């Protein structure tokens, strides 16, 4: 029979801190130096918003000022289609994450101004 290895560890050493419960999610986070958006947990864990609305809000918050956020523009960017995007925008308006105002130009064209709020309860 082989001799017992007394210098070997009794079991594999875990790289997970001891205070993390078994199972569930683990996060491996790296700092972003550029091209990132900070999104609050109040949005991404909102219990009354659909996942489509949450994702759309995060996307809109990542857009630069002046970028188009119309239903048609968003529908060309995402596979959800105009109906689901319009519904998600209404959800965001109802919960204060978004306002849309319409302005009729002298030419008769209607222009929509969209304002995104990253923390509407503040």
PDB file of N, CA and C in Angstrom:
ATOM      1  N   UNK A   1       0.845  -1.169   0.000  1.00  0.00           N
ATOM      2  CA  UNK A   1       0.000   0.000   0.000  1.00  0.00           C
ATOM      3  C   UNK A   1       0.891   1.232   0.000  1.00  0.00           C
ATOM      4  N   UNK A   2       0.462   2.304  -0.662  1.00  0.00           N
ATOM      5  CA  UNK A   2       1.255   3.524  -0.775  1.00  0.00           C
ATOM      6  C   UNK A   2       1.272   4.277   0.544  1.00  0.00           C
ATOM      7  N   UNK A   3       2.374   5.000   0.763  1.00  0.00           N
ATOM      8  CA  UNK A   3       2.479   5.814   1.972  1.00  0.00           C
ATOM      9  C   UNK A   3       1.567   7.023   1.885  1.00  0.00           C
ATOM     10  N   UNK A   4       1.012   7.455   2.970  1.00  0.00           N
ATOM     11  CA  UNK A   4       0.139   8.628   3.025  1.00  0.00           C
ATOM     12  C   UNK A   4       0.971   9.892   2.851  1.00  0.00           C
ATOM     13  N   UNK A   5       0.495  10.823   2.009  1.00  0.00           N
ATOM     14  CA  UNK A   5       1.176  12.093   1.750  1.00  0.00           C
ATOM     15  C   UNK A   5       0.702  13.111   2.784  1.00  0.00           C
ATOM     16  N   UNK A   6       1.444  13.334   3.825  1.00  0.00           N
ATOM     17  CA  UNK A   6       1.024  14.231   4.891  1.00  0.00           C
ATOM     18  C   UNK A   6       1.141  15.706   4.515  1.00  0.00           C
ATOM     19  N   UNK A   7       1.905  16.047   3.467  1.00  0.00           N
ATOM     20  CA  UNK A   7       2.043  17.449   3.081  1.00  0.00           C
ATOM     21  C   UNK A   7       1.017  17.877   2.038  1.00  0.00           C
ATOM     22  N   UNK A   8       0.190  16.986   1.559  1.00  0.00           N
ATOM     23  CA  UNK A   8      -0.838  17.327   0.577  1.00  0.00           C
ATOM     24  C   UNK A   8      -2.028  17.958   1.290  1.00  0.00           C
ATOM     25  N   UNK A   9      -2.655  18.972   0.664  1.00  0.00           N
ATOM     26  CA  UNK A   9      -3.836  19.559   1.294  1.00  0.00           C
ATOM     27  C   UNK A   9      -4.972  18.539   1.363  1.00  0.00           C
ATOM     28  N   UNK A  10      -5.822  18.636   2.389  1.00  0.00           N
ATOM     29  CA  UNK A  10      -6.885  17.654   2.554  1.00  0.00           C
ATOM     30  C   UNK A  10      -7.917  17.688   1.425  1.00  0.00           C
ATOM     31  N   UNK A  11      -8.116  18.832   0.773  1.00  0.00           N
ATOM     32  CA  UNK A  11      -9.047  18.942  -0.361  1.00  0.00           C
ATOM     33  C   UNK A  11      -8.619  20.131  -1.203  1.00  0.00           C
ATOM     34  N   UNK A  12      -9.191  20.266  -2.371  1.00  0.00           N
ATOM     35  CA  UNK A  12      -8.838  21.363  -3.260  1.00  0.00           C
ATOM     36  C   UNK A  12      -9.189  22.694  -2.612  1.00  0.00           C
ATOM     37  N   UNK A  13      -8.309  23.668  -2.754  1.00  0.00           N
ATOM     38  CA  UNK A  13      -8.542  24.989  -2.190  1.00  0.00           C
ATOM     39  C   UNK A  13      -9.437  25.797  -3.130  1.00  0.00           C
ATOM     40  N   UNK A  14     -10.500  26.359  -2.627  1.00  0.00           N
ATOM     41  CA  UNK A  14     -11.443  27.151  -3.403  1.00  0.00           C
ATOM     42  C   UNK A  14     -10.921  28.571  -3.593  1.00  0.00           C
ATOM     43  N   UNK A  15     -11.185  29.141  -4.770  1.00  0.00           N
ATOM     44  CA  UNK A  15     -10.821  30.531  -5.018  1.00  0.00           C
ATOM     45  C   UNK A  15     -11.969  31.473  -4.676  1.00  0.00           C
ATOM     46  N   UNK A  16     -13.088  30.923  -4.263  1.00  0.00           N
ATOM     47  CA  UNK A  16     -14.254  31.715  -3.904  1.00  0.00           C
ATOM     48  C   UNK A  16     -14.133  32.101  -2.437  1.00  0.00           C
ATOM     49  N   UNK A  17     -14.345  33.370  -2.104  1.00  0.00           N
ATOM     50  CA  UNK A  17     -14.267  33.773  -0.693  1.00  0.00           C
ATOM     51  C   UNK A  17     -15.225  32.951   0.172  1.00  0.00           C
ATOM     52  N   UNK A  18     -14.858  32.768   1.426  1.00  0.00           N
ATOM     53  CA  UNK A  18     -15.631  31.936   2.350  1.00  0.00           C
ATOM     54  C   UNK A  18     -17.030  32.478   2.613  1.00  0.00           C
ATOM     55  N   UNK A  19     -17.244  33.800   2.465  1.00  0.00           N
ATOM     56  CA  UNK A  19     -18.546  34.382   2.791  1.00  0.00           C
ATOM     57  C   UNK A  19     -19.559  34.267   1.654  1.00  0.00           C
ATOM     58  N   UNK A  20     -19.196  33.662   0.516  1.00  0.00           N
ATOM     59  CA  UNK A  20     -20.122  33.482  -0.602  1.00  0.00           C
ATOM     60  C   UNK A  20     -20.858  32.163  -0.398  1.00  0.00           C
ATOM     61  N   UNK A  21     -22.202  32.200  -0.379  1.00  0.00           N
ATOM     62  CA  UNK A  21     -22.952  30.959  -0.179  1.00  0.00           C
ATOM     63  C   UNK A  21     -22.775  30.020  -1.378  1.00  0.00           C
ATOM     64  N   UNK A  22     -22.916  28.708  -1.157  1.00  0.00           N
ATOM     65  CA  UNK A  22     -22.777  27.772  -2.279  1.00  0.00           C
ATOM     66  C   UNK A  22     -23.929  27.969  -3.267  1.00  0.00           C
ATOM     67  N   UNK A  23     -23.659  27.768  -4.531  1.00  0.00           N
ATOM     68  CA  UNK A  23     -24.676  27.941  -5.565  1.00  0.00           C
ATOM     69  C   UNK A  23     -24.946  29.405  -5.814  1.00  0.00           C
ATOM     70  N   UNK A  24     -25.863  29.707  -6.692  1.00  0.00           N
ATOM     71  CA  UNK A  24     -26.223  31.086  -6.992  1.00  0.00           C
ATOM     72  C   UNK A  24     -25.195  31.767  -7.884  1.00  0.00           C
ATOM     73  N   UNK A  25     -25.366  33.054  -8.047  1.00  0.00           N
ATOM     74  CA  UNK A  25     -24.527  33.836  -8.962  1.00  0.00           C
ATOM     75  C   UNK A  25     -23.216  34.232  -8.305  1.00  0.00           C
ATOM     76  N   UNK A  26     -22.180  34.243  -9.086  1.00  0.00           N
ATOM     77  CA  UNK A  26     -20.885  34.786  -8.670  1.00  0.00           C
ATOM     78  C   UNK A  26     -20.519  35.846  -9.687  1.00  0.00           C
ATOM     79  N   UNK A  27     -19.959  36.925  -9.228  1.00  0.00           N
ATOM     80  CA  UNK A  27     -19.579  38.021 -10.116  1.00  0.00           C
ATOM     81  C   UNK A  27     -18.064  38.088 -10.250  1.00  0.00           C
ATOM     82  N   UNK A  28     -17.603  38.189 -11.471  1.00  0.00           N
ATOM     83  CA  UNK A  28     -16.206  38.473 -11.760  1.00  0.00           C
ATOM     84  C   UNK A  28     -16.226  39.850 -12.421  1.00  0.00           C
ATOM     85  N   UNK A  29     -15.877  40.864 -11.680  1.00  0.00           N
ATOM     86  CA  UNK A  29     -15.980  42.245 -12.160  1.00  0.00           C
ATOM     87  C   UNK A  29     -14.612  42.822 -12.474  1.00  0.00           C
ATOM     88  N   UNK A  30     -14.546  43.504 -13.596  1.00  0.00           N
ATOM     89  CA  UNK A  30     -13.360  44.257 -13.982  1.00  0.00           C
ATOM     90  C   UNK A  30     -13.758  45.703 -14.145  1.00  0.00           C
ATOM     91  N   UNK A  31     -12.872  46.591 -13.791  1.00  0.00           N
ATOM     92  CA  UNK A  31     -13.134  48.018 -13.968  1.00  0.00           C
ATOM     93  C   UNK A  31     -13.089  48.375 -15.444  1.00  0.00           C
ATOM     94  N   UNK A  32     -14.021  49.199 -15.861  1.00  0.00           N
ATOM     95  CA  UNK A  32     -14.031  49.706 -17.234  1.00  0.00           C
ATOM     96  C   UNK A  32     -13.332  51.061 -17.248  1.00  0.00           C
ATOM     97  N   UNK A  33     -12.398  51.229 -18.149  1.00  0.00           N
ATOM     98  CA  UNK A  33     -11.688  52.505 -18.244  1.00  0.00           C
ATOM     99  C   UNK A  33     -12.420  53.480 -19.157  1.00  0.00           C
ATOM    100  N   UNK A  34     -13.162  52.961 -20.138  1.00  0.00           N
ATOM    101  CA  UNK A  34     -13.903  53.832 -21.057  1.00  0.00           C
ATOM    102  C   UNK A  34     -15.087  53.056 -21.637  1.00  0.00           C
ATOM    103  N   UNK A  35     -15.973  53.761 -22.305  1.00  0.00           N
ATOM    104  CA  UNK A  35     -17.145  53.187 -22.974  1.00  0.00           C
ATOM    105  C   UNK A  35     -18.001  52.328 -22.031  1.00  0.00           C
ATOM    106  N   UNK A  36     -18.476  52.921 -20.946  1.00  0.00           N
ATOM    107  CA  UNK A  36     -19.350  52.209 -20.025  1.00  0.00           C
ATOM    108  C   UNK A  36     -20.463  53.132 -19.555  1.00  0.00           C
ATOM    109  N   UNK A  37     -21.516  52.540 -19.041  1.00  0.00           N
ATOM    110  CA  UNK A  37     -22.663  53.261 -18.506  1.00  0.00           C
ATOM    111  C   UNK A  37     -22.968  52.703 -17.131  1.00  0.00           C
ATOM    112  N   UNK A  38     -23.214  53.578 -16.169  1.00  0.00           N
ATOM    113  CA  UNK A  38     -23.587  53.147 -14.824  1.00  0.00           C
ATOM    114  C   UNK A  38     -25.115  53.081 -14.778  1.00  0.00           C
ATOM    115  N   UNK A  39     -25.639  51.930 -14.403  1.00  0.00           N
ATOM    116  CA  UNK A  39     -27.085  51.725 -14.327  1.00  0.00           C
ATOM    117  C   UNK A  39     -27.416  51.314 -12.898  1.00  0.00           C
ATOM    118  N   UNK A  40     -28.398  51.977 -12.305  1.00  0.00           N
ATOM    119  CA  UNK A  40     -28.762  51.701 -10.920  1.00  0.00           C
ATOM    120  C   UNK A  40     -29.505  50.395 -10.746  1.00  0.00           C
ATOM    121  N   UNK A  41     -29.316  49.782  -9.589  1.00  0.00           N
ATOM    122  CA  UNK A  41     -30.049  48.557  -9.256  1.00  0.00           C
ATOM    123  C   UNK A  41     -31.553  48.799  -9.203  1.00  0.00           C
ATOM    124  N   UNK A  42     -31.970  50.021  -8.857  1.00  0.00           N
ATOM    125  CA  UNK A  42     -33.404  50.318  -8.816  1.00  0.00           C
ATOM    126  C   UNK A  42     -34.039  50.104 -10.189  1.00  0.00           C
ATOM    127  N   UNK A  43     -33.257  50.280 -11.270  1.00  0.00           N
ATOM    128  CA  UNK A  43     -33.766  50.023 -12.619  1.00  0.00           C
ATOM    129  C   UNK A  43     -33.648  48.538 -12.963  1.00  0.00           C
ATOM    130  N   UNK A  44     -32.458  47.983 -12.875  1.00  0.00           N
ATOM    131  CA  UNK A  44     -32.255  46.614 -13.358  1.00  0.00           C
ATOM    132  C   UNK A  44     -32.938  45.557 -12.496  1.00  0.00           C
ATOM    133  N   UNK A  45     -33.340  45.910 -11.275  1.00  0.00           N
ATOM    134  CA  UNK A  45     -34.067  44.968 -10.423  1.00  0.00           C
ATOM    135  C   UNK A  45     -35.514  45.404 -10.190  1.00  0.00           C
ATOM    136  N   UNK A  46     -36.005  46.320 -11.025  1.00  0.00           N
ATOM    137  CA  UNK A  46     -37.363  46.850 -10.883  1.00  0.00           C
ATOM    138  C   UNK A  46     -38.371  45.723 -11.087  1.00  0.00           C
ATOM    139  N   UNK A  47     -39.245  45.515 -10.128  1.00  0.00           N
ATOM    140  CA  UNK A  47     -40.180  44.386 -10.176  1.00  0.00           C
ATOM    141  C   UNK A  47     -41.395  44.631 -11.078  1.00  0.00           C
ATOM    142  N   UNK A  48     -41.661  45.884 -11.427  1.00  0.00           N
ATOM    143  CA  UNK A  48     -42.847  46.166 -12.238  1.00  0.00           C
ATOM    144  C   UNK A  48     -42.519  46.415 -13.703  1.00  0.00           C
ATOM    145  N   UNK A  49     -41.247  46.482 -14.056  1.00  0.00           N
ATOM    146  CA  UNK A  49     -40.858  46.688 -15.449  1.00  0.00           C
ATOM    147  C   UNK A  49     -40.547  45.354 -16.112  1.00  0.00           C
ATOM    148  N   UNK A  50     -40.900  45.246 -17.371  1.00  0.00           N
ATOM    149  CA  UNK A  50     -40.550  44.048 -18.120  1.00  0.00           C
ATOM    150  C   UNK A  50     -39.053  44.051 -18.406  1.00  0.00           C
ATOM    151  N   UNK A  51     -38.548  42.885 -18.719  1.00  0.00           N
ATOM    152  CA  UNK A  51     -37.134  42.775 -19.061  1.00  0.00           C
ATOM    153  C   UNK A  51     -36.826  43.582 -20.320  1.00  0.00           C
ATOM    154  N   UNK A  52     -37.769  43.653 -21.239  1.00  0.00           N
ATOM    155  CA  UNK A  52     -37.590  44.479 -22.442  1.00  0.00           C
ATOM    156  C   UNK A  52     -37.433  45.941 -22.059  1.00  0.00           C
ATOM    157  N   UNK A  53     -38.269  46.428 -21.158  1.00  0.00           N
ATOM    158  CA  UNK A  53     -38.191  47.829 -20.739  1.00  0.00           C
ATOM    159  C   UNK A  53     -36.888  48.116 -20.014  1.00  0.00           C
ATOM    160  N   UNK A  54     -36.444  47.200 -19.170  1.00  0.00           N
ATOM    161  CA  UNK A  54     -35.192  47.395 -18.437  1.00  0.00           C
ATOM    162  C   UNK A  54     -34.019  47.457 -19.408  1.00  0.00           C
ATOM    163  N   UNK A  55     -33.967  46.531 -20.340  1.00  0.00           N
ATOM    164  CA  UNK A  55     -32.890  46.529 -21.327  1.00  0.00           C
ATOM    165  C   UNK A  55     -32.917  47.762 -22.209  1.00  0.00           C
ATOM    166  N   UNK A  56     -34.105  48.182 -22.596  1.00  0.00           N
ATOM    167  CA  UNK A  56     -34.237  49.371 -23.428  1.00  0.00           C
ATOM    168  C   UNK A  56     -33.800  50.621 -22.669  1.00  0.00           C
ATOM    169  N   UNK A  57     -34.144  50.705 -21.394  1.00  0.00           N
ATOM    170  CA  UNK A  57     -33.713  51.844 -20.576  1.00  0.00           C
ATOM    171  C   UNK A  57     -32.196  51.888 -20.473  1.00  0.00           C
ATOM    172  N   UNK A  58     -31.575  50.737 -20.254  1.00  0.00           N
ATOM    173  CA  UNK A  58     -30.114  50.687 -20.167  1.00  0.00           C
ATOM    174  C   UNK A  58     -29.494  51.115 -21.495  1.00  0.00           C
ATOM    175  N   UNK A  59     -30.074  50.672 -22.606  1.00  0.00           N
ATOM    176  CA  UNK A  59     -29.563  51.070 -23.920  1.00  0.00           C
ATOM    177  C   UNK A  59     -29.701  52.569 -24.123  1.00  0.00           C
ATOM    178  N   UNK A  60     -30.863  53.114 -23.808  1.00  0.00           N
ATOM    179  CA  UNK A  60     -31.096  54.548 -23.992  1.00  0.00           C
ATOM    180  C   UNK A  60     -30.141  55.362 -23.125  1.00  0.00           C
ATOM    181  N   UNK A  61     -29.896  54.905 -21.894  1.00  0.00           N
ATOM    182  CA  UNK A  61     -28.962  55.622 -21.019  1.00  0.00           C
ATOM    183  C   UNK A  61     -27.537  55.588 -21.568  1.00  0.00           C
ATOM    184  N   UNK A  62     -27.226  54.611 -22.393  1.00  0.00           N
ATOM    185  CA  UNK A  62     -25.877  54.506 -22.955  1.00  0.00           C
ATOM    186  C   UNK A  62     -25.685  55.373 -24.199  1.00  0.00           C
ATOM    187  N   UNK A  63     -26.773  55.888 -24.758  1.00  0.00           N
ATOM    188  CA  UNK A  63     -26.671  56.684 -25.989  1.00  0.00           C
ATOM    189  C   UNK A  63     -26.091  58.072 -25.706  1.00  0.00           C
ATOM    190  N   UNK A  64     -25.349  58.620 -26.658  1.00  0.00           N
ATOM    191  CA  UNK A  64     -24.840  59.983 -26.482  1.00  0.00           C
ATOM    192  C   UNK A  64     -25.968  60.994 -26.645  1.00  0.00           C
ATOM    193  N   UNK A  65     -25.829  62.191 -26.074  1.00  0.00           N
ATOM    194  CA  UNK A  65     -26.854  63.229 -26.257  1.00  0.00           C
ATOM    195  C   UNK A  65     -27.075  63.501 -27.743  1.00  0.00           C
ATOM    196  N   UNK A  66     -28.342  63.646 -28.100  1.00  0.00           N
ATOM    197  CA  UNK A  66     -28.681  63.933 -29.488  1.00  0.00           C
ATOM    198  C   UNK A  66     -28.954  62.705 -30.335  1.00  0.00           C
ATOM    199  N   UNK A  67     -28.655  61.519 -29.824  1.00  0.00           N
ATOM    200  CA  UNK A  67     -28.911  60.293 -30.581  1.00  0.00           C
ATOM    201  C   UNK A  67     -30.411  60.061 -30.699  1.00  0.00           C
ATOM    202  N   UNK A  68     -30.804  59.444 -31.761  1.00  0.00           N
ATOM    203  CA  UNK A  68     -32.216  59.156 -31.987  1.00  0.00           C
ATOM    204  C   UNK A  68     -32.666  57.988 -31.111  1.00  0.00           C
ATOM    205  N   UNK A  69     -33.824  58.154 -30.479  1.00  0.00           N
ATOM    206  CA  UNK A  69     -34.402  57.085 -29.660  1.00  0.00           C
ATOM    207  C   UNK A  69     -35.879  56.920 -30.016  1.00  0.00           C
ATOM    208  N   UNK A  70     -36.197  57.041 -31.294  1.00  0.00           N
ATOM    209  CA  UNK A  70     -37.581  56.856 -31.727  1.00  0.00           C
ATOM    210  C   UNK A  70     -37.905  55.366 -31.805  1.00  0.00           C
ATOM    211  N   UNK A  71     -39.171  55.060 -31.873  1.00  0.00           N
ATOM    212  CA  UNK A  71     -39.597  53.669 -31.975  1.00  0.00           C
ATOM    213  C   UNK A  71     -39.007  53.041 -33.226  1.00  0.00           C
ATOM    214  N   UNK A  72     -39.057  53.738 -34.338  1.00  0.00           N
ATOM    215  CA  UNK A  72     -38.525  53.198 -35.596  1.00  0.00           C
ATOM    216  C   UNK A  72     -37.023  52.976 -35.535  1.00  0.00           C
ATOM    217  N   UNK A  73     -36.295  53.922 -34.955  1.00  0.00           N
ATOM    218  CA  UNK A  73     -34.838  53.771 -34.840  1.00  0.00           C
ATOM    219  C   UNK A  73     -34.491  52.588 -33.953  1.00  0.00           C
ATOM    220  N   UNK A  74     -35.173  52.469 -32.823  1.00  0.00           N
ATOM    221  CA  UNK A  74     -34.900  51.369 -31.898  1.00  0.00           C
ATOM    222  C   UNK A  74     -35.293  50.021 -32.510  1.00  0.00           C
ATOM    223  N   UNK A  75     -36.360  50.002 -33.304  1.00  0.00           N
ATOM    224  CA  UNK A  75     -36.807  48.760 -33.941  1.00  0.00           C
ATOM    225  C   UNK A  75     -35.822  48.287 -35.004  1.00  0.00           C
ATOM    226  N   UNK A  76     -35.080  49.214 -35.609  1.00  0.00           N
ATOM    227  CA  UNK A  76     -34.062  48.781 -36.574  1.00  0.00           C
ATOM    228  C   UNK A  76     -32.830  48.224 -35.865  1.00  0.00           C
ATOM    229  N   UNK A  77     -32.648  48.604 -34.611  1.00  0.00           N
ATOM    230  CA  UNK A  77     -31.477  48.168 -33.834  1.00  0.00           C
ATOM    231  C   UNK A  77     -31.720  46.843 -33.118  1.00  0.00           C
ATOM    232  N   UNK A  78     -32.965  46.572 -32.706  1.00  0.00           N
ATOM    233  CA  UNK A  78     -33.277  45.389 -31.905  1.00  0.00           C
ATOM    234  C   UNK A  78     -34.328  44.521 -32.592  1.00  0.00           C
ATOM    235  N   UNK A  79     -34.358  43.223 -32.287  1.00  0.00           N
ATOM    236  CA  UNK A  79     -35.303  42.322 -32.953  1.00  0.00           C
ATOM    237  C   UNK A  79     -36.731  42.375 -32.406  1.00  0.00           C
ATOM    238  N   UNK A  80     -36.990  43.118 -31.315  1.00  0.00           N
ATOM    239  CA  UNK A  80     -38.309  43.077 -30.687  1.00  0.00           C
ATOM    240  C   UNK A  80     -39.429  43.636 -31.562  1.00  0.00           C
ATOM    241  N   UNK A  81     -39.167  44.570 -32.402  1.00  0.00           N
ATOM    242  CA  UNK A  81     -40.200  45.141 -33.244  1.00  0.00           C
ATOM    243  C   UNK A  81     -40.849  46.365 -32.612  1.00  0.00           C
ATOM    244  N   UNK A  82     -41.571  47.108 -33.433  1.00  0.00           N
ATOM    245  CA  UNK A  82     -42.139  48.387 -33.012  1.00  0.00           C
ATOM    246  C   UNK A  82     -43.172  48.261 -31.900  1.00  0.00           C
ATOM    247  N   UNK A  83     -43.997  47.240 -31.931  1.00  0.00           N
ATOM    248  CA  UNK A  83     -45.065  47.092 -30.935  1.00  0.00           C
ATOM    249  C   UNK A  83     -44.476  46.878 -29.541  1.00  0.00           C
ATOM    250  N   UNK A  84     -43.521  45.961 -29.421  1.00  0.00           N
ATOM    251  CA  UNK A  84     -42.909  45.693 -28.103  1.00  0.00           C
ATOM    252  C   UNK A  84     -42.074  46.875 -27.627  1.00  0.00           C
ATOM    253  N   UNK A  85     -41.382  47.541 -28.547  1.00  0.00           N
ATOM    254  CA  UNK A  85     -40.572  48.695 -28.158  1.00  0.00           C
ATOM    255  C   UNK A  85     -41.473  49.834 -27.696  1.00  0.00           C
ATOM    256  N   UNK A  86     -42.567  50.068 -28.396  1.00  0.00           N
ATOM    257  CA  UNK A  86     -43.512  51.116 -27.994  1.00  0.00           C
ATOM    258  C   UNK A  86     -44.083  50.809 -26.608  1.00  0.00           C
ATOM    259  N   UNK A  87     -44.407  49.546 -26.347  1.00  0.00           N
ATOM    260  CA  UNK A  87     -44.934  49.159 -25.034  1.00  0.00           C
ATOM    261  C   UNK A  87     -43.880  49.373 -23.949  1.00  0.00           C
ATOM    262  N   UNK A  88     -42.636  49.029 -24.234  1.00  0.00           N
ATOM    263  CA  UNK A  88     -41.552  49.207 -23.257  1.00  0.00           C
ATOM    264  C   UNK A  88     -41.325  50.688 -22.975  1.00  0.00           C
ATOM    265  N   UNK A  89     -41.387  51.526 -23.996  1.00  0.00           N
ATOM    266  CA  UNK A  89     -41.234  52.971 -23.794  1.00  0.00           C
ATOM    267  C   UNK A  89     -42.365  53.518 -22.926  1.00  0.00           C
ATOM    268  N   UNK A  90     -43.582  53.028 -23.119  1.00  0.00           N
ATOM    269  CA  UNK A  90     -44.706  53.454 -22.272  1.00  0.00           C
ATOM    270  C   UNK A  90     -44.492  53.027 -20.823  1.00  0.00           C
ATOM    271  N   UNK A  91     -43.963  51.822 -20.615  1.00  0.00           N
ATOM    272  CA  UNK A  91     -43.645  51.364 -19.257  1.00  0.00           C
ATOM    273  C   UNK A  91     -42.645  52.310 -18.598  1.00  0.00           C
ATOM    274  N   UNK A  92     -41.599  52.654 -19.334  1.00  0.00           N
ATOM    275  CA  UNK A  92     -40.563  53.539 -18.795  1.00  0.00           C
ATOM    276  C   UNK A  92     -41.131  54.918 -18.485  1.00  0.00           C
ATOM    277  N   UNK A  93     -42.029  55.410 -19.319  1.00  0.00           N
ATOM    278  CA  UNK A  93     -42.691  56.698 -19.042  1.00  0.00           C
ATOM    279  C   UNK A  93     -43.540  56.604 -17.778  1.00  0.00           C
ATOM    280  N   UNK A  94     -44.287  55.510 -17.638  1.00  0.00           N
ATOM    281  CA  UNK A  94     -45.171  55.345 -16.481  1.00  0.00           C
ATOM    282  C   UNK A  94     -44.407  55.302 -15.167  1.00  0.00           C
ATOM    283  N   UNK A  95     -43.164  54.834 -15.202  1.00  0.00           N
ATOM    284  CA  UNK A  95     -42.365  54.727 -13.985  1.00  0.00           C
ATOM    285  C   UNK A  95     -41.337  55.848 -13.844  1.00  0.00           C
ATOM    286  N   UNK A  96     -41.408  56.854 -14.728  1.00  0.00           N
ATOM    287  CA  UNK A  96     -40.576  58.038 -14.580  1.00  0.00           C
ATOM    288  C   UNK A  96     -39.177  57.964 -15.152  1.00  0.00           C
ATOM    289  N   UNK A  97     -38.841  56.893 -15.860  1.00  0.00           N
ATOM    290  CA  UNK A  97     -37.506  56.764 -16.433  1.00  0.00           C
ATOM    291  C   UNK A  97     -37.369  57.493 -17.768  1.00  0.00           C
ATOM    292  N   UNK A  98     -38.485  57.933 -18.326  1.00  0.00           N
ATOM    293  CA  UNK A  98     -38.468  58.516 -19.657  1.00  0.00           C
ATOM    294  C   UNK A  98     -39.610  59.506 -19.806  1.00  0.00           C
ATOM    295  N   UNK A  99     -39.362  60.605 -20.500  1.00  0.00           N
ATOM    296  CA  UNK A  99     -40.445  61.484 -20.950  1.00  0.00           C
ATOM    297  C   UNK A  99     -40.253  61.707 -22.442  1.00  0.00           C
ATOM    298  N   UNK A 100     -41.375  61.795 -23.129  1.00  0.00           N
ATOM    299  CA  UNK A 100     -41.350  62.106 -24.564  1.00  0.00           C
ATOM    300  C   UNK A 100     -42.312  63.255 -24.807  1.00  0.00           C
ATOM    301  N   UNK A 101     -41.820  64.296 -25.444  1.00  0.00           N
ATOM    302  CA  UNK A 101     -42.671  65.424 -25.809  1.00  0.00           C
ATOM    303  C   UNK A 101     -42.605  65.592 -27.315  1.00  0.00           C
ATOM    304  N   UNK A 102     -43.732  65.967 -27.882  1.00  0.00           N
ATOM    305  CA  UNK A 102     -43.812  66.144 -29.329  1.00  0.00           C
ATOM    306  C   UNK A 102     -43.924  67.627 -29.664  1.00  0.00           C
ATOM    307  N   UNK A 103     -43.205  68.013 -30.691  1.00  0.00           N
ATOM    308  CA  UNK A 103     -43.212  69.404 -31.145  1.00  0.00           C
ATOM    309  C   UNK A 103     -43.502  69.415 -32.643  1.00  0.00           C
ATOM    310  N   UNK A 104     -44.495  70.228 -33.026  1.00  0.00           N
ATOM    311  CA  UNK A 104     -44.801  70.352 -34.451  1.00  0.00           C
ATOM    312  C   UNK A 104     -43.998  71.517 -35.018  1.00  0.00           C
ATOM    313  N   UNK A 105     -43.195  71.227 -36.009  1.00  0.00           N
ATOM    314  CA  UNK A 105     -42.373  72.239 -36.662  1.00  0.00           C
ATOM    315  C   UNK A 105     -43.219  73.042 -37.642  1.00  0.00           C
ATOM    316  N   UNK A 106     -42.780  74.258 -38.019  1.00  0.00           N
ATOM    317  CA  UNK A 106     -43.537  75.060 -38.987  1.00  0.00           C
ATOM    318  C   UNK A 106     -43.790  74.321 -40.301  1.00  0.00           C
ATOM    319  N   UNK A 107     -42.934  73.379 -40.631  1.00  0.00           N
ATOM    320  CA  UNK A 107     -43.109  72.601 -41.863  1.00  0.00           C
ATOM    321  C   UNK A 107     -44.222  71.564 -41.732  1.00  0.00           C
ATOM    322  N   UNK A 108     -44.724  71.348 -40.508  1.00  0.00           N
ATOM    323  CA  UNK A 108     -45.758  70.360 -40.277  1.00  0.00           C
ATOM    324  C   UNK A 108     -45.199  69.043 -39.739  1.00  0.00           C
ATOM    325  N   UNK A 109     -43.915  68.879 -39.835  1.00  0.00           N
ATOM    326  CA  UNK A 109     -43.271  67.670 -39.334  1.00  0.00           C
ATOM    327  C   UNK A 109     -43.333  67.650 -37.807  1.00  0.00           C
ATOM    328  N   UNK A 110     -43.532  66.458 -37.219  1.00  0.00           N
ATOM    329  CA  UNK A 110     -43.582  66.312 -35.765  1.00  0.00           C
ATOM    330  C   UNK A 110     -42.236  65.769 -35.288  1.00  0.00           C
ATOM    331  N   UNK A 111     -41.664  66.466 -34.324  1.00  0.00           N
ATOM    332  CA  UNK A 111     -40.379  66.083 -33.758  1.00  0.00           C
ATOM    333  C   UNK A 111     -40.613  65.610 -32.327  1.00  0.00           C
ATOM    334  N   UNK A 112     -40.026  64.461 -31.957  1.00  0.00           N
ATOM    335  CA  UNK A 112     -40.170  63.933 -30.609  1.00  0.00           C
ATOM    336  C   UNK A 112     -38.883  64.171 -29.834  1.00  0.00           C
ATOM    337  N   UNK A 113     -39.013  64.789 -28.660  1.00  0.00           N
ATOM    338  CA  UNK A 113     -37.886  64.996 -27.756  1.00  0.00           C
ATOM    339  C   UNK A 113     -37.997  63.946 -26.655  1.00  0.00           C
ATOM    340  N   UNK A 114     -36.952  63.147 -26.490  1.00  0.00           N
ATOM    341  CA  UNK A 114     -36.935  62.100 -25.472  1.00  0.00           C
ATOM    342  C   UNK A 114     -35.945  62.496 -24.392  1.00  0.00           C
ATOM    343  N   UNK A 115     -36.365  62.409 -23.147  1.00  0.00           N
ATOM    344  CA  UNK A 115     -35.495  62.688 -22.003  1.00  0.00           C
ATOM    345  C   UNK A 115     -35.440  61.437 -21.146  1.00  0.00           C
ATOM    346  N   UNK A 116     -34.222  60.970 -20.881  1.00  0.00           N
ATOM    347  CA  UNK A 116     -33.996  59.779 -20.070  1.00  0.00           C
ATOM    348  C   UNK A 116     -33.552  60.202 -18.673  1.00  0.00           C
ATOM    349  N   UNK A 117     -34.144  59.584 -17.663  1.00  0.00           N
ATOM    350  CA  UNK A 117     -33.783  59.862 -16.261  1.00  0.00           C
ATOM    351  C   UNK A 117     -33.146  58.604 -15.690  1.00  0.00           C
ATOM    352  N   UNK A 118     -31.889  58.711 -15.234  1.00  0.00           N
ATOM    353  CA  UNK A 118     -31.228  57.525 -14.711  1.00  0.00           C
ATOM    354  C   UNK A 118     -31.630  57.230 -13.265  1.00  0.00           C
ATOM    355  N   UNK A 119     -32.260  58.189 -12.583  1.00  0.00           N
ATOM    356  CA  UNK A 119     -32.730  57.955 -11.218  1.00  0.00           C
ATOM    357  C   UNK A 119     -33.961  58.832 -10.975  1.00  0.00           C
ATOM    358  N   UNK A 120     -35.125  58.381 -11.460  1.00  0.00           N
ATOM    359  CA  UNK A 120     -36.316  59.232 -11.381  1.00  0.00           C
ATOM    360  C   UNK A 120     -36.802  59.524  -9.969  1.00  0.00           C
ATOM    361  N   UNK A 121     -36.449  58.695  -9.003  1.00  0.00           N
ATOM    362  CA  UNK A 121     -36.926  58.951  -7.645  1.00  0.00           C
ATOM    363  C   UNK A 121     -36.087  59.986  -6.918  1.00  0.00           C
ATOM    364  N   UNK A 122     -34.941  60.357  -7.491  1.00  0.00           N
ATOM    365  CA  UNK A 122     -34.040  61.335  -6.826  1.00  0.00           C
ATOM    366  C   UNK A 122     -34.602  62.737  -6.952  1.00  0.00           C
TER     367      UNK A 122
END
